[in-house]
N, C-alpha and C. Protein backbone atom coordinates (compact mmCIF):
# COMPACT_ATOMS: atom_id res chain seq x y z
N UNK A 1 6.16 18.40 0.65
CA UNK A 1 4.94 18.02 -0.03
C UNK A 1 4.69 16.53 0.20
N UNK A 2 3.51 16.18 0.61
CA UNK A 2 3.14 14.79 0.85
C UNK A 2 2.54 14.20 -0.42
N UNK A 3 2.97 13.03 -0.78
CA UNK A 3 2.44 12.32 -1.94
C UNK A 3 1.38 11.33 -1.45
N UNK A 4 0.16 11.50 -1.88
CA UNK A 4 -0.92 10.61 -1.48
C UNK A 4 -1.38 9.80 -2.68
N UNK A 5 -1.27 8.49 -2.59
CA UNK A 5 -1.74 7.61 -3.66
C UNK A 5 -3.10 7.01 -3.34
N UNK A 6 -3.51 7.06 -2.09
CA UNK A 6 -4.79 6.51 -1.66
C UNK A 6 -5.85 7.60 -1.74
N UNK A 7 -6.99 7.27 -2.36
CA UNK A 7 -8.09 8.25 -2.44
C UNK A 7 -8.87 8.30 -1.13
N UNK A 8 -9.22 7.12 -0.59
CA UNK A 8 -9.96 7.13 0.67
C UNK A 8 -9.85 5.77 1.36
N UNK A 9 -9.92 5.84 2.68
CA UNK A 9 -9.94 4.64 3.52
C UNK A 9 -11.40 4.22 3.65
N UNK A 10 -11.69 2.95 3.38
CA UNK A 10 -13.08 2.49 3.46
C UNK A 10 -13.32 1.56 4.64
N UNK A 11 -12.25 1.05 5.23
CA UNK A 11 -12.36 0.17 6.39
C UNK A 11 -11.05 0.27 7.16
N UNK A 12 -11.15 0.31 8.49
CA UNK A 12 -9.92 0.32 9.30
C UNK A 12 -10.21 -0.23 10.69
N UNK A 13 -9.46 -1.24 11.04
CA UNK A 13 -9.41 -1.73 12.41
C UNK A 13 -8.01 -1.35 12.87
N UNK A 14 -7.89 -0.30 13.70
CA UNK A 14 -6.57 0.25 14.03
C UNK A 14 -5.56 -0.82 14.46
N UNK A 15 -4.41 -0.78 13.77
CA UNK A 15 -3.32 -1.68 14.08
C UNK A 15 -3.49 -3.09 13.56
N UNK A 16 -4.64 -3.41 12.96
CA UNK A 16 -4.91 -4.77 12.50
C UNK A 16 -5.09 -4.90 11.00
N UNK A 17 -6.03 -4.13 10.44
CA UNK A 17 -6.27 -4.24 9.01
C UNK A 17 -6.89 -2.95 8.48
N UNK A 18 -6.73 -2.78 7.16
CA UNK A 18 -7.22 -1.57 6.51
C UNK A 18 -7.56 -1.90 5.06
N UNK A 19 -8.54 -1.18 4.53
CA UNK A 19 -8.88 -1.25 3.11
C UNK A 19 -9.03 0.17 2.61
N UNK A 20 -8.47 0.42 1.42
CA UNK A 20 -8.50 1.75 0.83
C UNK A 20 -8.82 1.62 -0.65
N UNK A 21 -9.27 2.73 -1.25
CA UNK A 21 -9.57 2.75 -2.67
C UNK A 21 -8.70 3.75 -3.40
N UNK A 22 -8.37 3.41 -4.64
CA UNK A 22 -7.66 4.33 -5.53
C UNK A 22 -8.29 4.19 -6.92
N UNK A 23 -8.93 5.27 -7.38
CA UNK A 23 -9.49 5.31 -8.74
C UNK A 23 -8.40 5.85 -9.67
N UNK A 24 -8.22 5.19 -10.77
CA UNK A 24 -7.13 5.54 -11.68
C UNK A 24 -7.66 6.15 -12.97
N UNK A 25 -7.38 7.44 -13.15
CA UNK A 25 -7.81 8.17 -14.34
C UNK A 25 -6.61 8.34 -15.28
N UNK A 26 -6.88 8.48 -16.55
CA UNK A 26 -5.82 8.61 -17.54
C UNK A 26 -4.92 9.82 -17.29
N UNK A 27 -5.42 10.83 -16.56
CA UNK A 27 -4.61 12.03 -16.31
C UNK A 27 -3.58 11.86 -15.19
N UNK A 28 -3.47 10.65 -14.59
CA UNK A 28 -2.40 10.40 -13.61
C UNK A 28 -1.06 10.62 -14.33
N UNK A 29 -0.17 11.36 -13.69
CA UNK A 29 1.09 11.74 -14.33
C UNK A 29 1.91 10.55 -14.83
N UNK A 30 1.96 9.47 -14.06
CA UNK A 30 2.80 8.34 -14.45
C UNK A 30 2.32 7.64 -15.71
N UNK A 31 1.04 7.78 -16.08
CA UNK A 31 0.54 7.14 -17.29
C UNK A 31 1.18 7.73 -18.55
N UNK A 32 1.68 8.96 -18.48
CA UNK A 32 2.27 9.59 -19.66
C UNK A 32 3.52 8.85 -20.13
N UNK A 33 4.28 8.28 -19.21
CA UNK A 33 5.53 7.60 -19.56
C UNK A 33 5.49 6.09 -19.37
N UNK A 34 4.44 5.58 -18.79
CA UNK A 34 4.41 4.15 -18.41
C UNK A 34 3.15 3.49 -18.94
N UNK A 35 2.94 3.20 -20.07
CA UNK A 35 3.76 3.32 -21.28
C UNK A 35 2.93 4.04 -22.33
N UNK A 36 3.55 4.96 -23.09
CA UNK A 36 2.80 5.71 -24.11
C UNK A 36 2.07 4.75 -25.06
N UNK A 37 0.78 4.99 -25.25
CA UNK A 37 -0.01 4.15 -26.13
C UNK A 37 -0.60 2.92 -25.47
N UNK A 38 -0.07 2.53 -24.33
CA UNK A 38 -0.57 1.37 -23.59
C UNK A 38 -0.33 1.58 -22.09
N UNK A 39 -1.00 2.56 -21.49
CA UNK A 39 -0.70 2.95 -20.10
C UNK A 39 -1.07 1.87 -19.08
N UNK A 40 -0.15 1.64 -18.14
CA UNK A 40 -0.39 0.74 -17.01
C UNK A 40 0.17 1.38 -15.75
N UNK A 41 -0.39 1.01 -14.61
CA UNK A 41 0.10 1.51 -13.32
C UNK A 41 1.43 0.81 -13.02
N UNK A 42 2.48 1.57 -12.71
CA UNK A 42 3.75 0.94 -12.32
C UNK A 42 3.56 0.11 -11.04
N UNK A 43 4.19 -1.04 -11.00
CA UNK A 43 4.10 -1.90 -9.82
C UNK A 43 4.51 -1.20 -8.55
N UNK A 44 5.51 -0.31 -8.65
CA UNK A 44 5.97 0.42 -7.47
C UNK A 44 4.86 1.31 -6.90
N UNK A 45 3.98 1.79 -7.76
CA UNK A 45 2.88 2.63 -7.28
C UNK A 45 1.84 1.78 -6.54
N UNK A 46 1.61 0.56 -7.01
CA UNK A 46 0.68 -0.33 -6.31
C UNK A 46 1.23 -0.63 -4.92
N UNK A 47 2.52 -0.96 -4.84
CA UNK A 47 3.16 -1.21 -3.55
C UNK A 47 3.07 0.02 -2.66
N UNK A 48 3.32 1.20 -3.21
CA UNK A 48 3.23 2.44 -2.43
C UNK A 48 1.83 2.63 -1.85
N UNK A 49 0.80 2.34 -2.63
CA UNK A 49 -0.56 2.44 -2.12
C UNK A 49 -0.82 1.52 -0.94
N UNK A 50 -0.30 0.29 -1.02
CA UNK A 50 -0.44 -0.65 0.09
C UNK A 50 0.29 -0.16 1.34
N UNK A 51 1.49 0.38 1.14
CA UNK A 51 2.27 0.92 2.26
C UNK A 51 1.54 2.11 2.90
N UNK A 52 1.01 3.00 2.09
CA UNK A 52 0.28 4.14 2.63
C UNK A 52 -0.94 3.70 3.43
N UNK A 53 -1.65 2.69 2.93
CA UNK A 53 -2.81 2.19 3.65
C UNK A 53 -2.38 1.59 5.00
N UNK A 54 -1.30 0.82 5.00
CA UNK A 54 -0.80 0.22 6.24
C UNK A 54 -0.37 1.29 7.24
N UNK A 55 0.28 2.35 6.76
CA UNK A 55 0.66 3.46 7.65
C UNK A 55 -0.57 4.09 8.29
N UNK A 56 -1.62 4.23 7.52
CA UNK A 56 -2.86 4.78 8.07
C UNK A 56 -3.39 3.86 9.17
N UNK A 57 -3.32 2.57 8.95
CA UNK A 57 -3.78 1.59 9.94
C UNK A 57 -3.01 1.73 11.25
N UNK A 58 -1.70 1.90 11.16
CA UNK A 58 -0.88 2.06 12.37
C UNK A 58 -1.10 3.42 13.03
N UNK A 59 -1.30 4.45 12.23
CA UNK A 59 -1.53 5.79 12.77
C UNK A 59 -2.87 5.87 13.50
N UNK A 60 -3.81 4.99 13.17
CA UNK A 60 -5.13 5.01 13.79
C UNK A 60 -5.13 4.43 15.21
N UNK A 61 -4.03 3.81 15.63
CA UNK A 61 -3.93 3.31 17.00
C UNK A 61 -3.97 4.48 17.98
N UNK A 62 -4.44 4.28 19.21
CA UNK A 62 -4.49 5.38 20.18
C UNK A 62 -3.15 6.10 20.37
N UNK A 63 -2.06 5.38 20.37
CA UNK A 63 -0.74 6.02 20.51
C UNK A 63 0.03 5.98 19.19
N UNK A 64 -0.70 5.86 18.09
CA UNK A 64 -0.09 5.67 16.77
C UNK A 64 0.50 6.93 16.18
N UNK A 65 1.27 6.72 15.13
CA UNK A 65 1.86 7.81 14.35
C UNK A 65 2.00 7.31 12.92
N UNK A 66 2.26 8.22 11.99
CA UNK A 66 2.38 7.83 10.59
C UNK A 66 3.82 7.84 10.10
N UNK A 67 4.77 7.84 10.99
CA UNK A 67 6.18 7.90 10.61
C UNK A 67 6.75 6.49 10.49
N UNK A 68 6.32 5.79 9.44
CA UNK A 68 6.77 4.43 9.15
C UNK A 68 7.34 4.42 7.74
N UNK A 69 8.39 3.66 7.55
CA UNK A 69 9.01 3.56 6.24
C UNK A 69 9.08 2.10 5.81
N UNK A 70 9.04 1.87 4.53
CA UNK A 70 9.13 0.52 4.00
C UNK A 70 10.51 -0.04 4.31
N UNK A 71 10.54 -1.23 4.90
CA UNK A 71 11.79 -1.84 5.34
C UNK A 71 12.11 -3.13 4.59
N UNK A 72 11.09 -3.88 4.17
CA UNK A 72 11.32 -5.16 3.50
C UNK A 72 10.11 -5.53 2.65
N UNK A 73 10.38 -6.26 1.58
CA UNK A 73 9.33 -6.75 0.70
C UNK A 73 9.60 -8.22 0.43
N UNK A 74 8.56 -9.04 0.60
CA UNK A 74 8.69 -10.48 0.34
C UNK A 74 7.54 -10.94 -0.55
N UNK A 75 7.85 -11.89 -1.41
CA UNK A 75 6.83 -12.60 -2.19
C UNK A 75 5.92 -11.67 -2.98
N UNK A 76 6.48 -10.68 -3.62
CA UNK A 76 5.70 -9.74 -4.43
C UNK A 76 5.31 -10.41 -5.74
N UNK A 77 4.01 -10.43 -6.01
CA UNK A 77 3.48 -11.06 -7.23
C UNK A 77 2.45 -10.15 -7.87
N UNK A 78 2.57 -9.98 -9.18
CA UNK A 78 1.58 -9.24 -9.96
C UNK A 78 0.87 -10.23 -10.88
N UNK A 79 -0.46 -10.13 -10.95
CA UNK A 79 -1.25 -11.06 -11.74
C UNK A 79 -1.75 -10.49 -13.05
N UNK A 80 -1.93 -9.18 -13.10
CA UNK A 80 -2.38 -8.54 -14.34
C UNK A 80 -2.10 -7.05 -14.25
N UNK A 81 -2.17 -6.38 -15.40
CA UNK A 81 -1.95 -4.94 -15.43
C UNK A 81 -3.16 -4.20 -14.85
N UNK A 82 -2.88 -3.05 -14.23
CA UNK A 82 -3.91 -2.12 -13.78
C UNK A 82 -3.85 -0.95 -14.75
N UNK A 83 -5.00 -0.56 -15.28
CA UNK A 83 -5.04 0.41 -16.37
C UNK A 83 -5.98 1.58 -16.02
N UNK A 84 -5.89 2.68 -16.80
CA UNK A 84 -6.81 3.80 -16.56
C UNK A 84 -8.26 3.33 -16.58
N UNK A 85 -9.04 3.85 -15.65
CA UNK A 85 -10.44 3.47 -15.53
C UNK A 85 -10.68 2.44 -14.43
N UNK A 86 -9.62 1.73 -14.04
CA UNK A 86 -9.74 0.75 -12.95
C UNK A 86 -9.83 1.47 -11.60
N UNK A 87 -10.50 0.85 -10.65
CA UNK A 87 -10.47 1.28 -9.26
C UNK A 87 -9.88 0.13 -8.47
N UNK A 88 -8.77 0.40 -7.80
CA UNK A 88 -8.11 -0.61 -6.98
C UNK A 88 -8.59 -0.55 -5.55
N UNK A 89 -8.79 -1.72 -4.98
CA UNK A 89 -9.02 -1.84 -3.54
C UNK A 89 -7.71 -2.35 -2.96
N UNK A 90 -7.13 -1.58 -2.06
CA UNK A 90 -5.86 -1.89 -1.44
C UNK A 90 -6.13 -2.39 -0.02
N UNK A 91 -5.76 -3.64 0.26
CA UNK A 91 -6.03 -4.24 1.55
C UNK A 91 -4.73 -4.66 2.21
N UNK A 92 -4.58 -4.35 3.48
CA UNK A 92 -3.39 -4.74 4.23
C UNK A 92 -3.83 -5.25 5.60
N UNK A 93 -3.32 -6.40 5.98
CA UNK A 93 -3.64 -6.99 7.27
C UNK A 93 -2.35 -7.26 8.03
N UNK A 94 -2.32 -6.85 9.29
CA UNK A 94 -1.14 -7.02 10.14
C UNK A 94 -0.78 -8.49 10.25
N UNK A 95 0.51 -8.76 10.08
CA UNK A 95 1.00 -10.14 10.01
C UNK A 95 2.27 -10.29 10.84
N UNK A 96 2.31 -9.65 12.01
CA UNK A 96 3.46 -9.79 12.89
C UNK A 96 4.22 -8.49 13.08
N UNK A 97 5.39 -8.63 13.71
CA UNK A 97 6.23 -7.48 13.99
C UNK A 97 6.50 -7.35 15.48
N UNK A 98 7.56 -6.67 15.79
CA UNK A 98 7.94 -6.40 17.18
C UNK A 98 7.88 -4.90 17.39
N UNK A 99 8.28 -4.44 18.57
CA UNK A 99 8.27 -3.01 18.83
C UNK A 99 9.12 -2.29 17.78
N UNK A 100 8.54 -1.28 17.18
CA UNK A 100 9.24 -0.50 16.17
C UNK A 100 9.17 -1.08 14.77
N UNK A 101 8.46 -2.20 14.60
CA UNK A 101 8.30 -2.79 13.28
C UNK A 101 6.91 -3.39 13.15
N UNK A 102 6.48 -3.55 11.93
CA UNK A 102 5.18 -4.15 11.66
C UNK A 102 5.22 -4.83 10.31
N UNK A 103 4.71 -6.04 10.24
CA UNK A 103 4.61 -6.78 8.98
C UNK A 103 3.15 -6.83 8.55
N UNK A 104 2.92 -6.73 7.25
CA UNK A 104 1.58 -6.78 6.68
C UNK A 104 1.52 -7.72 5.50
N UNK A 105 0.39 -8.40 5.36
CA UNK A 105 0.06 -9.13 4.13
C UNK A 105 -0.81 -8.17 3.33
N UNK A 106 -0.39 -7.88 2.12
CA UNK A 106 -1.12 -6.93 1.30
C UNK A 106 -1.68 -7.55 0.04
N UNK A 107 -2.79 -6.98 -0.40
CA UNK A 107 -3.42 -7.45 -1.62
C UNK A 107 -4.08 -6.27 -2.30
N UNK A 108 -3.91 -6.16 -3.61
CA UNK A 108 -4.61 -5.15 -4.41
C UNK A 108 -5.56 -5.89 -5.34
N UNK A 109 -6.79 -5.38 -5.42
CA UNK A 109 -7.79 -6.01 -6.27
C UNK A 109 -8.44 -4.98 -7.18
N UNK A 110 -8.86 -5.42 -8.33
CA UNK A 110 -9.73 -4.66 -9.22
C UNK A 110 -10.97 -5.53 -9.38
N UNK A 111 -12.08 -5.06 -8.86
CA UNK A 111 -13.27 -5.90 -8.81
C UNK A 111 -12.97 -7.08 -7.90
N UNK A 112 -13.28 -8.27 -8.36
CA UNK A 112 -13.00 -9.48 -7.58
C UNK A 112 -11.64 -10.09 -7.92
N UNK A 113 -10.94 -9.51 -8.88
CA UNK A 113 -9.67 -10.07 -9.34
C UNK A 113 -8.48 -9.50 -8.55
N UNK A 114 -7.67 -10.38 -7.99
CA UNK A 114 -6.46 -9.96 -7.31
C UNK A 114 -5.40 -9.61 -8.35
N UNK A 115 -4.87 -8.39 -8.27
CA UNK A 115 -3.85 -7.96 -9.23
C UNK A 115 -2.45 -7.97 -8.63
N UNK A 116 -2.35 -7.99 -7.29
CA UNK A 116 -1.05 -7.98 -6.63
C UNK A 116 -1.20 -8.57 -5.23
N UNK A 117 -0.20 -9.36 -4.84
CA UNK A 117 -0.07 -9.87 -3.47
C UNK A 117 1.36 -9.61 -3.02
N UNK A 118 1.50 -9.31 -1.72
CA UNK A 118 2.84 -9.03 -1.20
C UNK A 118 2.82 -9.14 0.33
N UNK A 119 3.95 -9.45 0.89
CA UNK A 119 4.16 -9.33 2.35
C UNK A 119 5.24 -8.28 2.51
N UNK A 120 5.00 -7.30 3.36
CA UNK A 120 5.97 -6.22 3.51
C UNK A 120 6.10 -5.80 4.96
N UNK A 121 7.29 -5.29 5.29
CA UNK A 121 7.58 -4.84 6.63
C UNK A 121 7.77 -3.33 6.66
N UNK A 122 7.28 -2.73 7.71
CA UNK A 122 7.47 -1.30 7.95
C UNK A 122 8.30 -1.13 9.21
N UNK A 123 9.08 -0.07 9.23
CA UNK A 123 9.92 0.24 10.39
C UNK A 123 9.58 1.65 10.85
N UNK A 124 9.46 1.82 12.15
CA UNK A 124 9.16 3.13 12.71
C UNK A 124 10.37 4.04 12.57
N UNK A 125 10.11 5.28 12.20
CA UNK A 125 11.18 6.29 12.16
C UNK A 125 11.27 7.04 13.48
N UNK A 126 10.50 6.62 14.46
CA UNK A 126 10.49 7.27 15.77
C UNK A 126 11.24 6.42 16.78
N UNK A 127 12.51 6.23 16.58
CA UNK A 127 13.29 5.44 17.52
C UNK A 127 14.29 4.56 16.81
N UNK A 128 15.05 3.79 17.57
CA UNK A 128 16.08 2.95 16.97
C UNK A 128 15.49 1.81 16.16
N UNK A 129 16.26 1.36 15.19
CA UNK A 129 15.84 0.23 14.35
C UNK A 129 15.89 -1.04 15.19
N UNK A 130 14.81 -1.85 15.14
CA UNK A 130 14.80 -3.08 15.93
C UNK A 130 15.81 -4.10 15.39
N UNK A 131 16.28 -4.97 16.26
CA UNK A 131 17.22 -6.03 15.85
C UNK A 131 16.47 -7.04 15.01
N UNK A 132 17.16 -7.60 14.05
CA UNK A 132 16.54 -8.62 13.17
C UNK A 132 16.52 -9.97 13.81
């Protein structure tokens, strides 16, 4: 079963940058436990949305694939809570990488407000792990 956190891709320059949307309704399963009476989106879910958007960006290349896994996270910052009723715009822009790896600068926004910034690396599952 594939877990999809992204509702739709709204912009994509294959291999370079991507923007996606995620509308958050109170019936999302994680809101039941995180936190009862004051629901917020778990930070790990925001990061997952950015990773999924970046995978889509890489898969859109002519020889692309979607078999990428999260390999590293740097400078993760959250600025405010994301709550039911919010729509997040998930943006990821390619920021380096060698064969078999890709780095992205990611940002999640609600309206004009940035709620999360992060730099993250993905590693291809289609071949050997690149040397660091």
